Amino acid sequence: MGNIDKSAVAKGNDIYYKLIQNGATVLSSDRPIEAGQQLAKYILDKKIKSKYINLSQN
């Protein structure tokens, strides 16, 4: 996903959000924190609940 990472740096991290929104089930990135933040935002925005999702920081 090098091109995606470069696009995110240039255009904003919401590119990861858009990938998830469009059905991506796996994100492979050299920027896992930024991608993870967008995943967490998506989960909160869509009010997704599961015993397997824990957004608290340890």
PDB file of N, CA and C in Angstrom:
ATOM      1  N   MET A   1       0.823  -1.195   0.000  1.00  0.00           N
ATOM      2  CA  MET A   1       0.000   0.000   0.000  1.00  0.00           C
ATOM      3  C   MET A   1       0.865   1.257   0.000  1.00  0.00           C
ATOM      4  N   GLY A   2       2.068   1.165  -0.481  1.00  0.00           N
ATOM      5  CA  GLY A   2       2.948   2.323  -0.496  1.00  0.00           C
ATOM      6  C   GLY A   2       2.336   3.535  -1.173  1.00  0.00           C
ATOM      7  N   ASN A   3       1.643   3.324  -2.280  1.00  0.00           N
ATOM      8  CA  ASN A   3       1.015   4.453  -2.959  1.00  0.00           C
ATOM      9  C   ASN A   3      -0.104   5.052  -2.125  1.00  0.00           C
ATOM     10  N   ILE A   4      -0.840   4.216  -1.417  1.00  0.00           N
ATOM     11  CA  ILE A   4      -1.907   4.710  -0.545  1.00  0.00           C
ATOM     12  C   ILE A   4      -1.301   5.535   0.587  1.00  0.00           C
ATOM     13  N   ASP A   5      -0.227   5.044   1.167  1.00  0.00           N
ATOM     14  CA  ASP A   5       0.435   5.783   2.240  1.00  0.00           C
ATOM     15  C   ASP A   5       0.937   7.137   1.741  1.00  0.00           C
ATOM     16  N   LYS A   6       1.523   7.161   0.551  1.00  0.00           N
ATOM     17  CA  LYS A   6       1.999   8.424  -0.018  1.00  0.00           C
ATOM     18  C   LYS A   6       0.833   9.376  -0.261  1.00  0.00           C
ATOM     19  N   SER A   7      -0.285   8.842  -0.745  1.00  0.00           N
ATOM     20  CA  SER A   7      -1.467   9.675  -0.961  1.00  0.00           C
ATOM     21  C   SER A   7      -1.992  10.228   0.355  1.00  0.00           C
ATOM     22  N   ALA A   8      -1.963   9.410   1.397  1.00  0.00           N
ATOM     23  CA  ALA A   8      -2.440   9.862   2.713  1.00  0.00           C
ATOM     24  C   ALA A   8      -1.569  10.983   3.255  1.00  0.00           C
ATOM     25  N   VAL A   9      -0.274  10.881   3.040  1.00  0.00           N
ATOM     26  CA  VAL A   9       0.630  11.943   3.490  1.00  0.00           C
ATOM     27  C   VAL A   9       0.318  13.230   2.737  1.00  0.00           C
ATOM     28  N   ALA A  10       0.085  13.116   1.441  1.00  0.00           N
ATOM     29  CA  ALA A  10      -0.146  14.300   0.604  1.00  0.00           C
ATOM     30  C   ALA A  10      -1.543  14.885   0.764  1.00  0.00           C
ATOM     31  N   LYS A  11      -2.558  14.011   0.894  1.00  0.00           N
ATOM     32  CA  LYS A  11      -3.942  14.476   0.829  1.00  0.00           C
ATOM     33  C   LYS A  11      -4.726  14.339   2.128  1.00  0.00           C
ATOM     34  N   GLY A  12      -4.173  13.648   3.106  1.00  0.00           N
ATOM     35  CA  GLY A  12      -4.861  13.472   4.385  1.00  0.00           C
ATOM     36  C   GLY A  12      -5.153  12.018   4.694  1.00  0.00           C
ATOM     37  N   ASN A  13      -5.198  11.731   5.983  1.00  0.00           N
ATOM     38  CA  ASN A  13      -5.374  10.351   6.444  1.00  0.00           C
ATOM     39  C   ASN A  13      -6.768   9.799   6.215  1.00  0.00           C
ATOM     40  N   ASP A  14      -7.721  10.641   5.834  1.00  0.00           N
ATOM     41  CA  ASP A  14      -9.074  10.132   5.616  1.00  0.00           C
ATOM     42  C   ASP A  14      -9.143   9.168   4.444  1.00  0.00           C
ATOM     43  N   ILE A  15      -8.069   9.029   3.690  1.00  0.00           N
ATOM     44  CA  ILE A  15      -8.036   8.040   2.620  1.00  0.00           C
ATOM     45  C   ILE A  15      -8.204   6.632   3.186  1.00  0.00           C
ATOM     46  N   TYR A  16      -7.662   6.381   4.381  1.00  0.00           N
ATOM     47  CA  TYR A  16      -7.841   5.075   5.023  1.00  0.00           C
ATOM     48  C   TYR A  16      -9.315   4.863   5.387  1.00  0.00           C
ATOM     49  N   TYR A  17      -9.951   5.906   5.894  1.00  0.00           N
ATOM     50  CA  TYR A  17     -11.381   5.855   6.242  1.00  0.00           C
ATOM     51  C   TYR A  17     -12.195   5.482   5.003  1.00  0.00           C
ATOM     52  N   LYS A  18     -11.881   6.117   3.891  1.00  0.00           N
ATOM     53  CA  LYS A  18     -12.616   5.859   2.649  1.00  0.00           C
ATOM     54  C   LYS A  18     -12.427   4.425   2.169  1.00  0.00           C
ATOM     55  N   LEU A  19     -11.233   3.886   2.352  1.00  0.00           N
ATOM     56  CA  LEU A  19     -10.996   2.485   1.988  1.00  0.00           C
ATOM     57  C   LEU A  19     -11.884   1.551   2.814  1.00  0.00           C
ATOM     58  N   ILE A  20     -11.948   1.808   4.119  1.00  0.00           N
ATOM     59  CA  ILE A  20     -12.783   0.989   5.003  1.00  0.00           C
ATOM     60  C   ILE A  20     -14.246   1.143   4.621  1.00  0.00           C
ATOM     61  N   GLN A  21     -14.655   2.369   4.397  1.00  0.00           N
ATOM     62  CA  GLN A  21     -16.038   2.656   4.028  1.00  0.00           C
ATOM     63  C   GLN A  21     -16.425   1.953   2.721  1.00  0.00           C
ATOM     64  N   ASN A  22     -15.461   1.798   1.832  1.00  0.00           N
ATOM     65  CA  ASN A  22     -15.723   1.150   0.547  1.00  0.00           C
ATOM     66  C   ASN A  22     -15.548  -0.358   0.581  1.00  0.00           C
ATOM     67  N   GLY A  23     -15.342  -0.920   1.785  1.00  0.00           N
ATOM     68  CA  GLY A  23     -15.348  -2.368   1.926  1.00  0.00           C
ATOM     69  C   GLY A  23     -14.025  -3.047   2.186  1.00  0.00           C
ATOM     70  N   ALA A  24     -12.954  -2.283   2.343  1.00  0.00           N
ATOM     71  CA  ALA A  24     -11.666  -2.921   2.637  1.00  0.00           C
ATOM     72  C   ALA A  24     -11.763  -3.677   3.961  1.00  0.00           C
ATOM     73  N   THR A  25     -11.284  -4.894   3.977  1.00  0.00           N
ATOM     74  CA  THR A  25     -11.291  -5.690   5.205  1.00  0.00           C
ATOM     75  C   THR A  25      -9.898  -5.845   5.785  1.00  0.00           C
ATOM     76  N   VAL A  26      -8.879  -5.479   5.014  1.00  0.00           N
ATOM     77  CA  VAL A  26      -7.498  -5.541   5.469  1.00  0.00           C
ATOM     78  C   VAL A  26      -6.797  -4.260   5.029  1.00  0.00           C
ATOM     79  N   LEU A  27      -6.089  -3.631   5.959  1.00  0.00           N
ATOM     80  CA  LEU A  27      -5.246  -2.496   5.630  1.00  0.00           C
ATOM     81  C   LEU A  27      -3.812  -2.878   5.944  1.00  0.00           C
ATOM     82  N   SER A  28      -2.952  -2.776   4.961  1.00  0.00           N
ATOM     83  CA  SER A  28      -1.525  -3.014   5.149  1.00  0.00           C
ATOM     84  C   SER A  28      -0.838  -1.686   4.921  1.00  0.00           C
ATOM     85  N   SER A  29      -0.184  -1.183   5.956  1.00  0.00           N
ATOM     86  CA  SER A  29       0.342   0.171   5.877  1.00  0.00           C
ATOM     87  C   SER A  29       1.655   0.310   6.620  1.00  0.00           C
ATOM     88  N   ASP A  30       2.480   1.218   6.135  1.00  0.00           N
ATOM     89  CA  ASP A  30       3.677   1.608   6.868  1.00  0.00           C
ATOM     90  C   ASP A  30       3.333   2.691   7.884  1.00  0.00           C
ATOM     91  N   ARG A  31       2.051   3.061   7.951  1.00  0.00           N
ATOM     92  CA  ARG A  31       1.563   4.099   8.864  1.00  0.00           C
ATOM     93  C   ARG A  31       0.410   3.519   9.703  1.00  0.00           C
ATOM     94  N   PRO A  32       0.706   2.493  10.522  1.00  0.00           N
ATOM     95  CA  PRO A  32      -0.366   1.804  11.246  1.00  0.00           C
ATOM     96  C   PRO A  32      -1.111   2.685  12.247  1.00  0.00           C
ATOM     97  N   ILE A  33      -0.456   3.649  12.835  1.00  0.00           N
ATOM     98  CA  ILE A  33      -1.141   4.508  13.809  1.00  0.00           C
ATOM     99  C   ILE A  33      -2.191   5.350  13.108  1.00  0.00           C
ATOM    100  N   GLU A  34      -1.818   5.970  12.001  1.00  0.00           N
ATOM    101  CA  GLU A  34      -2.753   6.813  11.265  1.00  0.00           C
ATOM    102  C   GLU A  34      -3.911   5.989  10.697  1.00  0.00           C
ATOM    103  N   ALA A  35      -3.592   4.826  10.141  1.00  0.00           N
ATOM    104  CA  ALA A  35      -4.634   3.947   9.608  1.00  0.00           C
ATOM    105  C   ALA A  35      -5.551   3.472  10.736  1.00  0.00           C
ATOM    106  N   GLY A  36      -4.967   3.132  11.873  1.00  0.00           N
ATOM    107  CA  GLY A  36      -5.754   2.684  13.028  1.00  0.00           C
ATOM    108  C   GLY A  36      -6.656   3.775  13.575  1.00  0.00           C
ATOM    109  N   GLN A  37      -6.180   5.000  13.559  1.00  0.00           N
ATOM    110  CA  GLN A  37      -7.017   6.111  14.015  1.00  0.00           C
ATOM    111  C   GLN A  37      -8.245   6.266  13.122  1.00  0.00           C
ATOM    112  N   GLN A  38      -8.058   6.086  11.837  1.00  0.00           N
ATOM    113  CA  GLN A  38      -9.192   6.194  10.916  1.00  0.00           C
ATOM    114  C   GLN A  38     -10.150   5.012  11.083  1.00  0.00           C
ATOM    115  N   LEU A  39      -9.615   3.838  11.365  1.00  0.00           N
ATOM    116  CA  LEU A  39     -10.465   2.682  11.653  1.00  0.00           C
ATOM    117  C   LEU A  39     -11.288   2.929  12.904  1.00  0.00           C
ATOM    118  N   ALA A  40     -10.662   3.453  13.947  1.00  0.00           N
ATOM    119  CA  ALA A  40     -11.382   3.754  15.191  1.00  0.00           C
ATOM    120  C   ALA A  40     -12.468   4.799  14.945  1.00  0.00           C
ATOM    121  N   LYS A  41     -12.162   5.811  14.142  1.00  0.00           N
ATOM    122  CA  LYS A  41     -13.148   6.847  13.806  1.00  0.00           C
ATOM    123  C   LYS A  41     -14.339   6.220  13.088  1.00  0.00           C
ATOM    124  N   TYR A  42     -14.078   5.319  12.152  1.00  0.00           N
ATOM    125  CA  TYR A  42     -15.145   4.643  11.423  1.00  0.00           C
ATOM    126  C   TYR A  42     -16.023   3.836  12.377  1.00  0.00           C
ATOM    127  N   ILE A  43     -15.394   3.097  13.272  1.00  0.00           N
ATOM    128  CA  ILE A  43     -16.141   2.286  14.248  1.00  0.00           C
ATOM    129  C   ILE A  43     -17.045   3.166  15.095  1.00  0.00           C
ATOM    130  N   LEU A  44     -16.524   4.295  15.553  1.00  0.00           N
ATOM    131  CA  LEU A  44     -17.325   5.214  16.370  1.00  0.00           C
ATOM    132  C   LEU A  44     -18.431   5.877  15.551  1.00  0.00           C
ATOM    133  N   ASP A  45     -18.104   6.311  14.347  1.00  0.00           N
ATOM    134  CA  ASP A  45     -19.088   6.965  13.480  1.00  0.00           C
ATOM    135  C   ASP A  45     -20.260   6.040  13.155  1.00  0.00           C
ATOM    136  N   LYS A  46     -19.961   4.786  12.911  1.00  0.00           N
ATOM    137  CA  LYS A  46     -20.990   3.808  12.527  1.00  0.00           C
ATOM    138  C   LYS A  46     -21.603   3.100  13.727  1.00  0.00           C
ATOM    139  N   LYS A  47     -21.120   3.463  14.925  1.00  0.00           N
ATOM    140  CA  LYS A  47     -21.619   2.870  16.177  1.00  0.00           C
ATOM    141  C   LYS A  47     -21.556   1.342  16.146  1.00  0.00           C
ATOM    142  N   ILE A  48     -20.442   0.830  15.672  1.00  0.00           N
ATOM    143  CA  ILE A  48     -20.235  -0.612  15.586  1.00  0.00           C
ATOM    144  C   ILE A  48     -19.894  -1.142  16.971  1.00  0.00           C
ATOM    145  N   LYS A  49     -20.593  -2.161  17.385  1.00  0.00           N
ATOM    146  CA  LYS A  49     -20.390  -2.771  18.697  1.00  0.00           C
ATOM    147  C   LYS A  49     -20.047  -4.248  18.525  1.00  0.00           C
ATOM    148  N   SER A  50     -19.067  -4.703  19.257  1.00  0.00           N
ATOM    149  CA  SER A  50     -18.688  -6.107  19.267  1.00  0.00           C
ATOM    150  C   SER A  50     -17.821  -6.361  20.494  1.00  0.00           C
ATOM    151  N   LYS A  51     -17.924  -7.556  21.030  1.00  0.00           N
ATOM    152  CA  LYS A  51     -17.057  -7.899  22.158  1.00  0.00           C
ATOM    153  C   LYS A  51     -15.596  -8.003  21.704  1.00  0.00           C
ATOM    154  N   TYR A  52     -15.356  -8.032  20.399  1.00  0.00           N
ATOM    155  CA  TYR A  52     -14.007  -8.145  19.862  1.00  0.00           C
ATOM    156  C   TYR A  52     -13.368  -6.793  19.567  1.00  0.00           C
ATOM    157  N   ILE A  53     -14.112  -5.715  19.749  1.00  0.00           N
ATOM    158  CA  ILE A  53     -13.594  -4.372  19.497  1.00  0.00           C
ATOM    159  C   ILE A  53     -13.391  -3.664  20.833  1.00  0.00           C
ATOM    160  N   ASN A  54     -12.171  -3.209  21.052  1.00  0.00           N
ATOM    161  CA  ASN A  54     -11.847  -2.472  22.265  1.00  0.00           C
ATOM    162  C   ASN A  54     -11.033  -1.247  21.849  1.00  0.00           C
ATOM    163  N   LEU A  55     -11.633  -0.083  21.934  1.00  0.00           N
ATOM    164  CA  LEU A  55     -10.963   1.145  21.510  1.00  0.00           C
ATOM    165  C   LEU A  55     -10.262   1.864  22.651  1.00  0.00           C
ATOM    166  N   SER A  56     -10.309   1.311  23.850  1.00  0.00           N
ATOM    167  CA  SER A  56      -9.631   1.968  24.967  1.00  0.00           C
ATOM    168  C   SER A  56      -8.130   1.827  24.798  1.00  0.00           C
ATOM    169  N   GLN A  57      -7.412   2.841  25.267  1.00  0.00           N
ATOM    170  CA  GLN A  57      -5.959   2.796  25.178  1.00  0.00           C
ATOM    171  C   GLN A  57      -5.398   2.332  26.518  1.00  0.00           C
ATOM    172  N   ASN A  58      -4.441   1.454  26.453  1.00  0.00           N
ATOM    173  CA  ASN A  58      -3.818   0.902  27.664  1.00  0.00           C
ATOM    174  C   ASN A  58      -2.527   1.603  27.960  1.00  0.00           C
TER     175      ASN A  58
END
